[in-house]
Amino acid sequence: MDRVTLVLCINVTGSHKLPVAMVGTANNPLCFRDEGNACPLPYFSQRKASMDKFFYAQWCQTVFLPVVRERHGGAKCAHIMDKSSTHDV
């Protein structure tokens, strides 16, 4: 079975949306191999194409934190997640 997970993140007011990230099972998907076919989204590979604590840590470091730091500088902010097994990261 082919499967992908999309990771969506938005602030409470809806005024700032982070780039949508995609999680798939392939390390280098066929559809993104040819020149000019680069994935337009941050792409991560994970065996089950689902969010686990290892993927969450990688997504947080490469997508979430850089975007939030760029937008808010040194200001403090909270990241709230619901119904996720990744809370222990």
Protein backbone atom coordinates (compact mmCIF):
# COMPACT_ATOMS: atom_id res chain seq x y z
CA MET A 1 0.00 0.00 0.00
CA ASP A 2 1.29 3.46 -0.88
CA ARG A 3 0.89 6.02 1.84
CA VAL A 4 1.89 9.62 2.58
CA THR A 5 1.28 11.90 5.52
CA LEU A 6 1.02 15.67 5.24
CA VAL A 7 2.08 17.79 8.18
CA LEU A 8 0.14 21.04 8.53
CA CYS A 9 0.99 23.78 11.00
CA ILE A 10 -0.70 27.16 11.42
CA ASN A 11 -0.84 29.82 14.10
CA VAL A 12 -3.98 30.39 16.14
CA THR A 13 -5.19 33.39 14.14
CA GLY A 14 -4.56 31.75 10.77
CA SER A 15 -2.31 34.59 9.66
CA HIS A 16 0.86 32.47 9.40
CA LYS A 17 1.06 29.03 7.81
CA LEU A 18 4.22 26.94 7.82
CA PRO A 19 5.23 25.06 4.68
CA VAL A 20 3.31 21.80 4.35
CA ALA A 21 5.68 18.86 4.88
CA MET A 22 5.25 15.43 3.29
CA VAL A 23 6.23 12.09 4.80
CA GLY A 24 6.51 9.09 2.49
CA THR A 25 7.99 5.61 2.62
CA ALA A 26 10.52 6.02 -0.22
CA ASN A 27 13.94 7.55 0.44
CA ASN A 28 14.00 9.04 -3.07
CA PRO A 29 10.55 8.80 -4.73
CA LEU A 30 10.48 8.13 -8.48
CA CYS A 31 8.27 11.15 -9.13
CA PHE A 32 10.95 13.52 -7.77
CA ARG A 33 14.02 11.99 -9.48
CA ASP A 34 14.08 13.66 -12.90
CA GLU A 35 15.57 17.11 -13.32
CA GLY A 36 12.95 19.79 -12.75
CA ASN A 37 10.77 17.43 -10.69
CA ALA A 38 12.06 18.36 -7.24
CA CYS A 39 9.52 18.00 -4.45
CA PRO A 40 7.94 21.42 -3.82
CA LEU A 41 7.42 20.52 -0.15
CA PRO A 42 9.85 19.58 2.58
CA TYR A 43 9.97 15.77 2.12
CA PHE A 44 10.90 13.20 4.74
CA SER A 45 11.03 9.42 4.50
CA GLN A 46 9.84 7.18 7.29
CA ARG A 47 9.13 3.44 7.17
CA LYS A 48 5.39 3.76 7.87
CA ALA A 49 5.00 7.29 6.43
CA SER A 50 3.62 8.45 9.75
CA MET A 51 4.53 10.89 12.48
CA ASP A 52 6.74 9.35 15.15
CA LYS A 53 9.03 11.02 17.68
CA PHE A 54 12.09 10.69 15.44
CA PHE A 55 10.37 12.24 12.44
CA TYR A 56 8.85 14.92 14.67
CA ALA A 57 12.30 15.91 15.98
CA GLN A 58 13.64 16.11 12.41
CA TRP A 59 10.64 18.15 11.19
CA CYS A 60 10.87 20.46 14.19
CA GLN A 61 14.58 21.17 13.57
CA THR A 62 14.39 21.59 9.77
CA VAL A 63 10.95 23.17 9.20
CA PHE A 64 9.25 24.47 12.35
CA LEU A 65 12.07 26.15 14.28
CA PRO A 66 13.72 27.96 11.32
CA VAL A 67 10.39 29.44 10.19
CA VAL A 68 9.32 30.45 13.70
CA ARG A 69 12.73 31.96 14.50
CA GLU A 70 12.69 33.94 11.26
CA ARG A 71 9.21 35.28 11.94
CA HIS A 72 9.44 35.91 15.69
CA GLY A 73 13.16 36.36 16.32
CA GLY A 74 13.87 35.78 20.00
CA ALA A 75 10.25 36.07 21.16
CA LYS A 76 8.87 33.17 23.14
CA CYS A 77 6.11 31.08 21.59
CA ALA A 78 4.27 27.87 22.42
CA HIS A 79 3.86 24.83 20.18
CA ILE A 80 0.72 22.90 21.08
CA MET A 81 -0.02 19.46 19.64
CA ASP A 82 -3.03 17.25 20.18
CA LYS A 83 -3.39 13.46 20.05
CA SER A 84 0.20 12.72 19.14
CA SER A 85 2.54 10.06 20.44
CA THR A 86 5.45 12.45 19.87
CA HIS A 87 4.97 14.50 23.05
CA ASP A 88 7.98 12.91 24.75
CA VAL A 89 10.49 14.46 22.31
